[in-house]
Amino acid sequence: GLQHGLLNGVLRLSGRSVREAAADAERQLANLPWRWWVGPDSDAGV
């Protein structure tokens, strides 16, 4: 809930479409700076 891009975000996406997950993340994190961390535990191609 803090206005800092490192303190809000997505850590993993696995087993779900990027389109659907992005829409969900954008809704949950609306009005905040945030980032999407993509690491080895996310699906390939994210």
PDB file of all heavy atoms in Angstrom:
ATOM      1  N   GLY A   1       0.802  -1.207   0.000  1.00  0.00           N
ATOM      2  CA  GLY A   1       0.000   0.000   0.000  1.00  0.00           C
ATOM      3  C   GLY A   1       0.840   1.265   0.000  1.00  0.00           C
ATOM      4  O   GLY A   1       0.304   2.360  -0.111  1.00  0.00           O
ATOM      5  N   LEU A   2       2.155   1.122   0.130  1.00  0.00           N
ATOM      6  CA  LEU A   2       3.064   2.267   0.126  1.00  0.00           C
ATOM      7  C   LEU A   2       3.391   2.677  -1.306  1.00  0.00           C
ATOM      8  O   LEU A   2       3.434   1.839  -2.203  1.00  0.00           O
ATOM      9  CB  LEU A   2       4.342   1.922   0.890  1.00  0.00           C
ATOM     10  CG  LEU A   2       4.132   1.566   2.360  1.00  0.00           C
ATOM     11  CD1 LEU A   2       5.431   1.077   2.982  1.00  0.00           C
ATOM     12  CD2 LEU A   2       3.567   2.740   3.131  1.00  0.00           C
ATOM     13  N   GLN A   3       3.648   3.949  -1.511  1.00  0.00           N
ATOM     14  CA  GLN A   3       3.921   4.485  -2.845  1.00  0.00           C
ATOM     15  C   GLN A   3       5.390   4.281  -3.229  1.00  0.00           C
ATOM     16  O   GLN A   3       6.154   5.229  -3.385  1.00  0.00           O
ATOM     17  CB  GLN A   3       3.546   5.966  -2.906  1.00  0.00           C
ATOM     18  CG  GLN A   3       2.065   6.227  -2.800  1.00  0.00           C
ATOM     19  CD  GLN A   3       1.306   5.687  -4.001  1.00  0.00           C
ATOM     20  OE1 GLN A   3       1.728   5.829  -5.138  1.00  0.00           O
ATOM     21  NE2 GLN A   3       0.179   5.051  -3.741  1.00  0.00           N
ATOM     22  N   HIS A   4       5.786   3.036  -3.363  1.00  0.00           N
ATOM     23  CA  HIS A   4       7.149   2.688  -3.767  1.00  0.00           C
ATOM     24  C   HIS A   4       7.082   1.434  -4.633  1.00  0.00           C
ATOM     25  O   HIS A   4       6.473   0.442  -4.234  1.00  0.00           O
ATOM     26  CB  HIS A   4       8.021   2.452  -2.536  1.00  0.00           C
ATOM     27  CG  HIS A   4       9.475   2.431  -2.851  1.00  0.00           C
ATOM     28  ND1 HIS A   4      10.086   1.401  -3.519  1.00  0.00           N
ATOM     29  CD2 HIS A   4      10.441   3.334  -2.602  1.00  0.00           C
ATOM     30  CE1 HIS A   4      11.367   1.658  -3.657  1.00  0.00           C
ATOM     31  NE2 HIS A   4      11.609   2.835  -3.104  1.00  0.00           N
ATOM     32  N   GLY A   5       7.725   1.511  -5.793  1.00  0.00           N
ATOM     33  CA  GLY A   5       7.641   0.433  -6.770  1.00  0.00           C
ATOM     34  C   GLY A   5       8.210  -0.900  -6.343  1.00  0.00           C
ATOM     35  O   GLY A   5       7.860  -1.925  -6.914  1.00  0.00           O
ATOM     36  N   LEU A   6       9.081  -0.932  -5.359  1.00  0.00           N
ATOM     37  CA  LEU A   6       9.614  -2.208  -4.889  1.00  0.00           C
ATOM     38  C   LEU A   6       8.728  -2.861  -3.839  1.00  0.00           C
ATOM     39  O   LEU A   6       8.876  -4.047  -3.558  1.00  0.00           O
ATOM     40  CB  LEU A   6      11.014  -2.015  -4.287  1.00  0.00           C
ATOM     41  CG  LEU A   6      12.121  -1.675  -5.278  1.00  0.00           C
ATOM     42  CD1 LEU A   6      13.424  -1.430  -4.528  1.00  0.00           C
ATOM     43  CD2 LEU A   6      12.291  -2.793  -6.283  1.00  0.00           C
ATOM     44  N   LEU A   7       7.813  -2.107  -3.263  1.00  0.00           N
ATOM     45  CA  LEU A   7       7.035  -2.609  -2.133  1.00  0.00           C
ATOM     46  C   LEU A   7       5.648  -3.100  -2.519  1.00  0.00           C
ATOM     47  O   LEU A   7       4.823  -3.389  -1.652  1.00  0.00           O
ATOM     48  CB  LEU A   7       6.945  -1.534  -1.052  1.00  0.00           C
ATOM     49  CG  LEU A   7       8.297  -1.067  -0.515  1.00  0.00           C
ATOM     50  CD1 LEU A   7       8.102   0.012   0.537  1.00  0.00           C
ATOM     51  CD2 LEU A   7       9.107  -2.226   0.030  1.00  0.00           C
ATOM     52  N   ASN A   8       5.402  -3.223  -3.819  1.00  0.00           N
ATOM     53  CA  ASN A   8       4.141  -3.760  -4.340  1.00  0.00           C
ATOM     54  C   ASN A   8       4.479  -4.489  -5.633  1.00  0.00           C
ATOM     55  O   ASN A   8       5.288  -3.994  -6.416  1.00  0.00           O
ATOM     56  CB  ASN A   8       3.162  -2.621  -4.662  1.00  0.00           C
ATOM     57  CG  ASN A   8       2.958  -1.691  -3.487  1.00  0.00           C
ATOM     58  OD1 ASN A   8       2.316  -2.040  -2.518  1.00  0.00           O
ATOM     59  ND2 ASN A   8       3.536  -0.498  -3.580  1.00  0.00           N
ATOM     60  N   GLY A   9       3.864  -5.632  -5.866  1.00  0.00           N
ATOM     61  CA  GLY A   9       4.154  -6.292  -7.134  1.00  0.00           C
ATOM     62  C   GLY A   9       3.694  -7.724  -7.222  1.00  0.00           C
ATOM     63  O   GLY A   9       2.969  -8.240  -6.374  1.00  0.00           O
ATOM     64  N   VAL A  10       4.174  -8.356  -8.292  1.00  0.00           N
ATOM     65  CA  VAL A  10       3.893  -9.759  -8.575  1.00  0.00           C
ATOM     66  C   VAL A  10       5.210 -10.515  -8.480  1.00  0.00           C
ATOM     67  O   VAL A  10       6.229 -10.074  -9.015  1.00  0.00           O
ATOM     68  CB  VAL A  10       3.289  -9.935  -9.985  1.00  0.00           C
ATOM     69  CG1 VAL A  10       3.117 -11.408 -10.332  1.00  0.00           C
ATOM     70  CG2 VAL A  10       1.961  -9.200 -10.089  1.00  0.00           C
ATOM     71  N   LEU A  11       5.180 -11.660  -7.797  1.00  0.00           N
ATOM     72  CA  LEU A  11       6.391 -12.460  -7.619  1.00  0.00           C
ATOM     73  C   LEU A  11       6.435 -13.697  -8.499  1.00  0.00           C
ATOM     74  O   LEU A  11       7.509 -14.198  -8.792  1.00  0.00           O
ATOM     75  CB  LEU A  11       6.512 -12.915  -6.163  1.00  0.00           C
ATOM     76  CG  LEU A  11       6.753 -11.809  -5.150  1.00  0.00           C
ATOM     77  CD1 LEU A  11       6.669 -12.376  -3.737  1.00  0.00           C
ATOM     78  CD2 LEU A  11       8.097 -11.164  -5.399  1.00  0.00           C
ATOM     79  N   ARG A  12       5.272 -14.219  -8.883  1.00  0.00           N
ATOM     80  CA  ARG A  12       5.274 -15.456  -9.661  1.00  0.00           C
ATOM     81  C   ARG A  12       3.962 -15.607 -10.405  1.00  0.00           C
ATOM     82  O   ARG A  12       2.899 -15.227  -9.913  1.00  0.00           O
ATOM     83  CB  ARG A  12       5.454 -16.662  -8.743  1.00  0.00           C
ATOM     84  CG  ARG A  12       5.453 -17.979  -9.517  1.00  0.00           C
ATOM     85  CD  ARG A  12       5.686 -19.156  -8.628  1.00  0.00           C
ATOM     86  NE  ARG A  12       4.472 -19.472  -7.869  1.00  0.00           N
ATOM     87  CZ  ARG A  12       4.283 -20.608  -7.243  1.00  0.00           C
ATOM     88  NH1 ARG A  12       5.213 -21.531  -7.229  1.00  0.00           N
ATOM     89  NH2 ARG A  12       3.178 -20.824  -6.581  1.00  0.00           N
ATOM     90  N   LEU A  13       4.064 -16.183 -11.587  1.00  0.00           N
ATOM     91  CA  LEU A  13       2.889 -16.613 -12.346  1.00  0.00           C
ATOM     92  C   LEU A  13       3.157 -18.020 -12.825  1.00  0.00           C
ATOM     93  O   LEU A  13       4.144 -18.272 -13.520  1.00  0.00           O
ATOM     94  CB  LEU A  13       2.632 -15.684 -13.541  1.00  0.00           C
ATOM     95  CG  LEU A  13       1.512 -16.153 -14.472  1.00  0.00           C
ATOM     96  CD1 LEU A  13       0.182 -16.263 -13.742  1.00  0.00           C
ATOM     97  CD2 LEU A  13       1.395 -15.239 -15.669  1.00  0.00           C
ATOM     98  N   SER A  14       2.274 -18.929 -12.470  1.00  0.00           N
ATOM     99  CA  SER A  14       2.443 -20.325 -12.845  1.00  0.00           C
ATOM    100  C   SER A  14       1.073 -20.956 -13.081  1.00  0.00           C
ATOM    101  O   SER A  14       0.211 -20.908 -12.209  1.00  0.00           O
ATOM    102  CB  SER A  14       3.177 -21.072 -11.723  1.00  0.00           C
ATOM    103  OG  SER A  14       3.336 -22.428 -12.046  1.00  0.00           O
ATOM    104  N   GLY A  15       0.891 -21.502 -14.276  1.00  0.00           N
ATOM    105  CA  GLY A  15      -0.333 -22.237 -14.573  1.00  0.00           C
ATOM    106  C   GLY A  15      -1.546 -21.382 -14.878  1.00  0.00           C
ATOM    107  O   GLY A  15      -2.678 -21.833 -14.697  1.00  0.00           O
ATOM    108  N   ARG A  16      -1.336 -20.185 -15.344  1.00  0.00           N
ATOM    109  CA  ARG A  16      -2.437 -19.266 -15.647  1.00  0.00           C
ATOM    110  C   ARG A  16      -2.025 -18.397 -16.830  1.00  0.00           C
ATOM    111  O   ARG A  16      -0.852 -18.099 -16.992  1.00  0.00           O
ATOM    112  CB  ARG A  16      -2.682 -18.413 -14.416  1.00  0.00           C
ATOM    113  CG  ARG A  16      -3.910 -17.576 -14.446  1.00  0.00           C
ATOM    114  CD  ARG A  16      -4.126 -17.006 -13.062  1.00  0.00           C
ATOM    115  NE  ARG A  16      -5.192 -16.022 -13.079  1.00  0.00           N
ATOM    116  CZ  ARG A  16      -5.488 -15.260 -12.065  1.00  0.00           C
ATOM    117  NH1 ARG A  16      -4.805 -15.344 -10.940  1.00  0.00           N
ATOM    118  NH2 ARG A  16      -6.462 -14.386 -12.135  1.00  0.00           N
ATOM    119  N   SER A  17      -2.964 -17.947 -17.618  1.00  0.00           N
ATOM    120  CA  SER A  17      -2.616 -17.124 -18.775  1.00  0.00           C
ATOM    121  C   SER A  17      -2.102 -15.758 -18.319  1.00  0.00           C
ATOM    122  O   SER A  17      -2.585 -15.197 -17.330  1.00  0.00           O
ATOM    123  CB  SER A  17      -3.816 -16.940 -19.703  1.00  0.00           C
ATOM    124  OG  SER A  17      -4.696 -15.951 -19.218  1.00  0.00           O
ATOM    125  N   VAL A  18      -1.139 -15.220 -19.055  1.00  0.00           N
ATOM    126  CA  VAL A  18      -0.580 -13.911 -18.735  1.00  0.00           C
ATOM    127  C   VAL A  18      -1.662 -12.840 -18.863  1.00  0.00           C
ATOM    128  O   VAL A  18      -1.751 -11.937 -18.030  1.00  0.00           O
ATOM    129  CB  VAL A  18       0.632 -13.600 -19.629  1.00  0.00           C
ATOM    130  CG1 VAL A  18       1.096 -12.164 -19.457  1.00  0.00           C
ATOM    131  CG2 VAL A  18       1.767 -14.567 -19.325  1.00  0.00           C
ATOM    132  N   ARG A  19      -2.493 -12.945 -19.872  1.00  0.00           N
ATOM    133  CA  ARG A  19      -3.550 -11.951 -20.090  1.00  0.00           C
ATOM    134  C   ARG A  19      -4.465 -11.872 -18.868  1.00  0.00           C
ATOM    135  O   ARG A  19      -4.737 -10.797 -18.333  1.00  0.00           O
ATOM    136  CB  ARG A  19      -4.351 -12.309 -21.350  1.00  0.00           C
ATOM    137  CG  ARG A  19      -5.486 -11.339 -21.650  1.00  0.00           C
ATOM    138  CD  ARG A  19      -6.347 -11.810 -22.819  1.00  0.00           C
ATOM    139  NE  ARG A  19      -6.876 -13.153 -22.659  1.00  0.00           N
ATOM    140  CZ  ARG A  19      -7.899 -13.491 -21.872  1.00  0.00           C
ATOM    141  NH1 ARG A  19      -8.505 -12.589 -21.141  1.00  0.00           N
ATOM    142  NH2 ARG A  19      -8.314 -14.732 -21.795  1.00  0.00           N
ATOM    143  N   GLU A  20      -4.943 -13.003 -18.402  1.00  0.00           N
ATOM    144  CA  GLU A  20      -5.835 -13.052 -17.244  1.00  0.00           C
ATOM    145  C   GLU A  20      -5.119 -12.607 -15.965  1.00  0.00           C
ATOM    146  O   GLU A  20      -5.645 -11.827 -15.173  1.00  0.00           O
ATOM    147  CB  GLU A  20      -6.353 -14.487 -17.080  1.00  0.00           C
ATOM    148  CG  GLU A  20      -7.241 -14.713 -15.892  1.00  0.00           C
ATOM    149  CD  GLU A  20      -7.611 -16.179 -15.754  1.00  0.00           C
ATOM    150  OE1 GLU A  20      -8.224 -16.729 -16.689  1.00  0.00           O
ATOM    151  OE2 GLU A  20      -7.269 -16.757 -14.701  1.00  0.00           O
ATOM    152  N   ALA A  21      -3.895 -13.082 -15.770  1.00  0.00           N
ATOM    153  CA  ALA A  21      -3.139 -12.731 -14.565  1.00  0.00           C
ATOM    154  C   ALA A  21      -2.783 -11.248 -14.537  1.00  0.00           C
ATOM    155  O   ALA A  21      -2.857 -10.612 -13.485  1.00  0.00           O
ATOM    156  CB  ALA A  21      -1.874 -13.583 -14.489  1.00  0.00           C
ATOM    157  N   ALA A  22      -2.412 -10.688 -15.683  1.00  0.00           N
ATOM    158  CA  ALA A  22      -2.065  -9.263 -15.739  1.00  0.00           C
ATOM    159  C   ALA A  22      -3.271  -8.405 -15.391  1.00  0.00           C
ATOM    160  O   ALA A  22      -3.158  -7.432 -14.639  1.00  0.00           O
ATOM    161  CB  ALA A  22      -1.510  -8.905 -17.112  1.00  0.00           C
ATOM    162  N   ALA A  23      -4.433  -8.769 -15.918  1.00  0.00           N
ATOM    163  CA  ALA A  23      -5.648  -8.009 -15.600  1.00  0.00           C
ATOM    164  C   ALA A  23      -5.942  -8.077 -14.102  1.00  0.00           C
ATOM    165  O   ALA A  23      -6.303  -7.071 -13.480  1.00  0.00           O
ATOM    166  CB  ALA A  23      -6.826  -8.537 -16.410  1.00  0.00           C
ATOM    167  N   ASP A  24      -5.761  -9.245 -13.512  1.00  0.00           N
ATOM    168  CA  ASP A  24      -5.990  -9.415 -12.077  1.00  0.00           C
ATOM    169  C   ASP A  24      -4.982  -8.598 -11.269  1.00  0.00           C
ATOM    170  O   ASP A  24      -5.342  -7.885 -10.326  1.00  0.00           O
ATOM    171  CB  ASP A  24      -5.891 -10.895 -11.720  1.00  0.00           C
ATOM    172  CG  ASP A  24      -6.411 -11.208 -10.326  1.00  0.00           C
ATOM    173  OD1 ASP A  24      -7.056 -10.345  -9.700  1.00  0.00           O
ATOM    174  OD2 ASP A  24      -6.154 -12.333  -9.861  1.00  0.00           O
ATOM    175  N   ALA A  25      -3.702  -8.666 -11.633  1.00  0.00           N
ATOM    176  CA  ALA A  25      -2.665  -7.909 -10.922  1.00  0.00           C
ATOM    177  C   ALA A  25      -2.903  -6.407 -11.048  1.00  0.00           C
ATOM    178  O   ALA A  25      -2.777  -5.671 -10.068  1.00  0.00           O
ATOM    179  CB  ALA A  25      -1.289  -8.279 -11.466  1.00  0.00           C
ATOM    180  N   GLU A  26      -3.249  -5.952 -12.243  1.00  0.00           N
ATOM    181  CA  GLU A  26      -3.501  -4.524 -12.446  1.00  0.00           C
ATOM    182  C   GLU A  26      -4.662  -4.035 -11.583  1.00  0.00           C
ATOM    183  O   GLU A  26      -4.630  -2.930 -11.044  1.00  0.00           O
ATOM    184  CB  GLU A  26      -3.759  -4.253 -13.923  1.00  0.00           C
ATOM    185  CG  GLU A  26      -2.502  -4.415 -14.772  1.00  0.00           C
ATOM    186  CD  GLU A  26      -2.782  -4.497 -16.261  1.00  0.00           C
ATOM    187  OE1 GLU A  26      -3.945  -4.289 -16.697  1.00  0.00           O
ATOM    188  OE2 GLU A  26      -1.826  -4.787 -17.014  1.00  0.00           O
ATOM    189  N   ARG A  27      -5.669  -4.877 -11.408  1.00  0.00           N
ATOM    190  CA  ARG A  27      -6.802  -4.527 -10.549  1.00  0.00           C
ATOM    191  C   ARG A  27      -6.376  -4.474  -9.085  1.00  0.00           C
ATOM    192  O   ARG A  27      -6.671  -3.521  -8.368  1.00  0.00           O
ATOM    193  CB  ARG A  27      -7.927  -5.544 -10.747  1.00  0.00           C
ATOM    194  CG  ARG A  27      -9.173  -5.277  -9.895  1.00  0.00           C
ATOM    195  CD  ARG A  27     -10.201  -6.385  -9.998  1.00  0.00           C
ATOM    196  NE  ARG A  27      -9.674  -7.716  -9.730  1.00  0.00           N
ATOM    197  CZ  ARG A  27      -9.368  -8.183  -8.515  1.00  0.00           C
ATOM    198  NH1 ARG A  27      -9.530  -7.422  -7.449  1.00  0.00           N
ATOM    199  NH2 ARG A  27      -8.906  -9.397  -8.362  1.00  0.00           N
ATOM    200  N   GLN A  28      -5.641  -5.492  -8.645  1.00  0.00           N
ATOM    201  CA  GLN A  28      -5.222  -5.561  -7.238  1.00  0.00           C
ATOM    202  C   GLN A  28      -4.240  -4.455  -6.850  1.00  0.00           C
ATOM    203  O   GLN A  28      -4.199  -4.042  -5.698  1.00  0.00           O
ATOM    204  CB  GLN A  28      -4.563  -6.910  -6.937  1.00  0.00           C
ATOM    205  CG  GLN A  28      -5.521  -8.074  -6.946  1.00  0.00           C
ATOM    206  CD  GLN A  28      -4.821  -9.348  -6.528  1.00  0.00           C
ATOM    207  OE1 GLN A  28      -4.188  -9.392  -5.473  1.00  0.00           O
ATOM    208  NE2 GLN A  28      -4.925 -10.386  -7.342  1.00  0.00           N
ATOM    209  N   LEU A  29      -3.441  -4.009  -7.816  1.00  0.00           N
ATOM    210  CA  LEU A  29      -2.383  -3.042  -7.516  1.00  0.00           C
ATOM    211  C   LEU A  29      -2.669  -1.650  -8.084  1.00  0.00           C
ATOM    212  O   LEU A  29      -1.775  -0.807  -8.161  1.00  0.00           O
ATOM    213  CB  LEU A  29      -1.047  -3.578  -8.049  1.00  0.00           C
ATOM    214  CG  LEU A  29      -0.609  -4.893  -7.386  1.00  0.00           C
ATOM    215  CD1 LEU A  29       0.504  -5.550  -8.178  1.00  0.00           C
ATOM    216  CD2 LEU A  29      -0.199  -4.653  -5.948  1.00  0.00           C
ATOM    217  N   ALA A  30      -3.922  -1.414  -8.436  1.00  0.00           N
ATOM    218  CA  ALA A  30      -4.310  -0.116  -8.997  1.00  0.00           C
ATOM    219  C   ALA A  30      -3.910   1.017  -8.056  1.00  0.00           C
ATOM    220  O   ALA A  30      -3.972   0.879  -6.832  1.00  0.00           O
ATOM    221  CB  ALA A  30      -5.822  -0.089  -9.244  1.00  0.00           C
ATOM    222  N   ASN A  31      -3.488   2.123  -8.635  1.00  0.00           N
ATOM    223  CA  ASN A  31      -3.106   3.341  -7.915  1.00  0.00           C
ATOM    224  C   ASN A  31      -1.828   3.218  -7.087  1.00  0.00           C
ATOM    225  O   ASN A  31      -1.586   4.029  -6.195  1.00  0.00           O
ATOM    226  CB  ASN A  31      -4.253   3.837  -7.024  1.00  0.00           C
ATOM    227  CG  ASN A  31      -5.498   4.102  -7.830  1.00  0.00           C
ATOM    228  OD1 ASN A  31      -5.448   4.710  -8.895  1.00  0.00           O
ATOM    229  ND2 ASN A  31      -6.625   3.609  -7.346  1.00  0.00           N
ATOM    230  N   LEU A  32      -1.053   2.185  -7.358  1.00  0.00           N
ATOM    231  CA  LEU A  32       0.238   2.012  -6.678  1.00  0.00           C
ATOM    232  C   LEU A  32       1.337   1.805  -7.718  1.00  0.00           C
ATOM    233  O   LEU A  32       1.099   1.186  -8.752  1.00  0.00           O
ATOM    234  CB  LEU A  32       0.212   0.768  -5.778  1.00  0.00           C
ATOM    235  CG  LEU A  32      -0.653   0.829  -4.541  1.00  0.00           C
ATOM    236  CD1 LEU A  32      -0.759  -0.552  -3.914  1.00  0.00           C
ATOM    237  CD2 LEU A  32      -0.066   1.820  -3.547  1.00  0.00           C
ATOM    238  N   PRO A  33       2.542   2.281  -7.430  1.00  0.00           N
ATOM    239  CA  PRO A  33       3.670   1.874  -8.272  1.00  0.00           C
ATOM    240  C   PRO A  33       3.987   0.415  -7.927  1.00  0.00           C
ATOM    241  O   PRO A  33       3.883   0.009  -6.766  1.00  0.00           O
ATOM    242  CB  PRO A  33       4.791   2.817  -7.839  1.00  0.00           C
ATOM    243  CG  PRO A  33       4.433   3.230  -6.459  1.00  0.00           C
ATOM    244  CD  PRO A  33       2.926   3.202  -6.380  1.00  0.00           C
ATOM    245  N   TRP A  34       4.317  -0.371  -8.944  1.00  0.00           N
ATOM    246  CA  TRP A  34       4.584  -1.782  -8.686  1.00  0.00           C
ATOM    247  C   TRP A  34       5.423  -2.371  -9.800  1.00  0.00           C
ATOM    248  O   TRP A  34       5.632  -1.751 -10.822  1.00  0.00           O
ATOM    249  CB  TRP A  34       3.300  -2.564  -8.484  1.00  0.00           C
ATOM    250  CG  TRP A  34       2.329  -2.578  -9.630  1.00  0.00           C
ATOM    251  CD1 TRP A  34       1.503  -1.563 -10.021  1.00  0.00           C
ATOM    252  CD2 TRP A  34       2.067  -3.656 -10.521  1.00  0.00           C
ATOM    253  NE1 TRP A  34       0.744  -1.948 -11.088  1.00  0.00           N
ATOM    254  CE2 TRP A  34       1.064  -3.235 -11.428  1.00  0.00           C
ATOM    255  CE3 TRP A  34       2.574  -4.937 -10.657  1.00  0.00           C
ATOM    256  CZ2 TRP A  34       0.572  -4.064 -12.438  1.00  0.00           C
ATOM    257  CZ3 TRP A  34       2.075  -5.758 -11.653  1.00  0.00           C
ATOM    258  CH2 TRP A  34       1.080  -5.313 -12.529  1.00  0.00           C
ATOM    259  N   ARG A  35       5.896  -3.573  -9.574  1.00  0.00           N
ATOM    260  CA  ARG A  35       6.683  -4.279 -10.581  1.00  0.00           C
ATOM    261  C   ARG A  35       6.298  -5.749 -10.609  1.00  0.00           C
ATOM    262  O   ARG A  35       5.701  -6.261  -9.674  1.00  0.00           O
ATOM    263  CB  ARG A  35       8.176  -4.127 -10.339  1.00  0.00           C
ATOM    264  CG  ARG A  35       8.669  -4.733  -9.066  1.00  0.00           C
ATOM    265  CD  ARG A  35      10.128  -4.419  -8.812  1.00  0.00           C
ATOM    266  NE  ARG A  35      10.331  -2.990  -8.935  1.00  0.00           N
ATOM    267  CZ  ARG A  35      11.188  -2.423  -9.809  1.00  0.00           C
ATOM    268  NH1 ARG A  35      11.955  -3.149 -10.563  1.00  0.00           N
ATOM    269  NH2 ARG A  35      11.295  -1.120  -9.887  1.00  0.00           N
ATOM    270  N   TRP A  36       6.655  -6.367 -11.708  1.00  0.00           N
ATOM    271  CA  TRP A  36       6.391  -7.796 -11.890  1.00  0.00           C
ATOM    272  C   TRP A  36       7.739  -8.485 -11.970  1.00  0.00           C
ATOM    273  O   TRP A  36       8.476  -8.315 -12.929  1.00  0.00           O
ATOM    274  CB  TRP A  36       5.621  -8.019 -13.180  1.00  0.00           C
ATOM    275  CG  TRP A  36       5.026  -9.382 -13.327  1.00  0.00           C
ATOM    276  CD1 TRP A  36       5.657 -10.580 -13.189  1.00  0.00           C
ATOM    277  CD2 TRP A  36       3.684  -9.687 -13.667  1.00  0.00           C
ATOM    278  NE1 TRP A  36       4.793 -11.616 -13.409  1.00  0.00           N
ATOM    279  CE2 TRP A  36       3.563 -11.086 -13.714  1.00  0.00           C
ATOM    280  CE3 TRP A  36       2.564  -8.910 -13.947  1.00  0.00           C
ATOM    281  CZ2 TRP A  36       2.386 -11.726 -14.019  1.00  0.00           C
ATOM    282  CZ3 TRP A  36       1.388  -9.557 -14.250  1.00  0.00           C
ATOM    283  CH2 TRP A  36       1.291 -10.936 -14.294  1.00  0.00           C
ATOM    284  N   TRP A  37       8.075  -9.219 -10.922  1.00  0.00           N
ATOM    285  CA  TRP A  37       9.321  -9.976 -10.904  1.00  0.00           C
ATOM    286  C   TRP A  37       9.109 -11.266 -11.685  1.00  0.00           C
ATOM    287  O   TRP A  37       8.179 -12.012 -11.394  1.00  0.00           O
ATOM    288  CB  TRP A  37       9.705 -10.326  -9.470  1.00  0.00           C
ATOM    289  CG  TRP A  37       9.896  -9.157  -8.574  1.00  0.00           C
ATOM    290  CD1 TRP A  37       8.953  -8.607  -7.737  1.00  0.00           C
ATOM    291  CD2 TRP A  37      11.067  -8.368  -8.416  1.00  0.00           C
ATOM    292  NE1 TRP A  37       9.492  -7.529  -7.071  1.00  0.00           N
ATOM    293  CE2 TRP A  37      10.785  -7.365  -7.465  1.00  0.00           C
ATOM    294  CE3 TRP A  37      12.343  -8.416  -8.986  1.00  0.00           C
ATOM    295  CZ2 TRP A  37      11.733  -6.432  -7.066  1.00  0.00           C
ATOM    296  CZ3 TRP A  37      13.271  -7.479  -8.582  1.00  0.00           C
ATOM    297  CH2 TRP A  37      12.958  -6.511  -7.638  1.00  0.00           C
ATOM    298  N   VAL A  38       9.933 -11.545 -12.670  1.00  0.00           N
ATOM    299  CA  VAL A  38       9.839 -12.783 -13.442  1.00  0.00           C
ATOM    300  C   VAL A  38      11.099 -13.594 -13.163  1.00  0.00           C
ATOM    301  O   VAL A  38      12.194 -13.181 -13.512  1.00  0.00           O
ATOM    302  CB  VAL A  38       9.707 -12.516 -14.954  1.00  0.00           C
ATOM    303  CG1 VAL A  38       9.626 -13.830 -15.714  1.00  0.00           C
ATOM    304  CG2 VAL A  38       8.484 -11.653 -15.234  1.00  0.00           C
ATOM    305  N   GLY A  39      10.915 -14.736 -12.522  1.00  0.00           N
ATOM    306  CA  GLY A  39      12.052 -15.571 -12.161  1.00  0.00           C
ATOM    307  C   GLY A  39      11.865 -16.995 -12.640  1.00  0.00           C
ATOM    308  O   GLY A  39      10.903 -17.308 -13.355  1.00  0.00           O
ATOM    309  N   PRO A  40      12.757 -17.870 -12.220  1.00  0.00           N
ATOM    310  CA  PRO A  40      12.711 -19.258 -12.693  1.00  0.00           C
ATOM    311  C   PRO A  40      11.508 -20.045 -12.204  1.00  0.00           C
ATOM    312  O   PRO A  40      11.232 -21.125 -12.722  1.00  0.00           O
ATOM    313  CB  PRO A  40      14.015 -19.863 -12.158  1.00  0.00           C
ATOM    314  CG  PRO A  40      14.466 -18.963 -11.079  1.00  0.00           C
ATOM    315  CD  PRO A  40      13.904 -17.607 -11.371  1.00  0.00           C
ATOM    316  N   ASP A  41      10.755 -19.523 -11.232  1.00  0.00           N
ATOM    317  CA  ASP A  41       9.563 -20.237 -10.773  1.00  0.00           C
ATOM    318  C   ASP A  41       8.294 -19.762 -11.485  1.00  0.00           C
ATOM    319  O   ASP A  41       7.203 -20.238 -11.207  1.00  0.00           O
ATOM    320  CB  ASP A  41       9.402 -20.154  -9.257  1.00  0.00           C
ATOM    321  CG  ASP A  41       9.353 -18.743  -8.726  1.00  0.00           C
ATOM    322  OD1 ASP A  41       9.733 -17.804  -9.471  1.00  0.00           O
ATOM    323  OD2 ASP A  41       8.934 -18.556  -7.575  1.00  0.00           O
ATOM    324  N   SER A  42       8.435 -18.826 -12.429  1.00  0.00           N
ATOM    325  CA  SER A  42       7.306 -18.424 -13.288  1.00  0.00           C
ATOM    326  C   SER A  42       7.333 -19.276 -14.555  1.00  0.00           C
ATOM    327  O   SER A  42       8.376 -19.804 -14.933  1.00  0.00           O
ATOM    328  CB  SER A  42       7.413 -16.953 -13.679  1.00  0.00           C
ATOM    329  OG  SER A  42       7.079 -16.120 -12.594  1.00  0.00           O
ATOM    330  N   ASP A  43       6.195 -19.391 -15.201  1.00  0.00           N
ATOM    331  CA  ASP A  43       6.127 -20.153 -16.452  1.00  0.00           C
ATOM    332  C   ASP A  43       7.030 -19.526 -17.506  1.00  0.00           C
ATOM    333  O   ASP A  43       7.254 -18.309 -17.516  1.00  0.00           O
ATOM    334  CB  ASP A  43       4.696 -20.181 -16.981  1.00  0.00           C
ATOM    335  CG  ASP A  43       3.768 -21.026 -16.124  1.00  0.00           C
ATOM    336  OD1 ASP A  43       4.257 -21.872 -15.352  1.00  0.00           O
ATOM    337  OD2 ASP A  43       2.538 -20.833 -16.230  1.00  0.00           O
ATOM    338  N   ALA A  44       7.525 -20.358 -18.401  1.00  0.00           N
ATOM    339  CA  ALA A  44       8.332 -19.876 -19.522  1.00  0.00           C
ATOM    340  C   ALA A  44       7.489 -18.931 -20.378  1.00  0.00           C
ATOM    341  O   ALA A  44       6.288 -19.136 -20.546  1.00  0.00           O
ATOM    342  CB  ALA A  44       8.822 -21.050 -20.356  1.00  0.00           C
ATOM    343  N   GLY A  45       8.098 -17.881 -20.874  1.00  0.00           N
ATOM    344  CA  GLY A  45       7.412 -16.959 -21.776  1.00  0.00           C
ATOM    345  C   GLY A  45       6.673 -15.826 -21.097  1.00  0.00           C
ATOM    346  O   GLY A  45       6.104 -14.970 -21.777  1.00  0.00           O
ATOM    347  N   VAL A  46       6.663 -15.772 -19.770  1.00  0.00           N
ATOM    348  CA  VAL A  46       5.923 -14.721 -19.066  1.00  0.00           C
ATOM    349  C   VAL A  46       6.501 -13.341 -19.392  1.00  0.00           C
ATOM    350  O   VAL A  46       5.762 -12.407 -19.710  1.00  0.00           O
ATOM    351  CB  VAL A  46       5.900 -14.964 -17.542  1.00  0.00           C
ATOM    352  CG1 VAL A  46       5.352 -13.759 -16.794  1.00  0.00           C
ATOM    353  CG2 VAL A  46       5.066 -16.202 -17.218  1.00  0.00           C
TER     354      VAL A  46
END
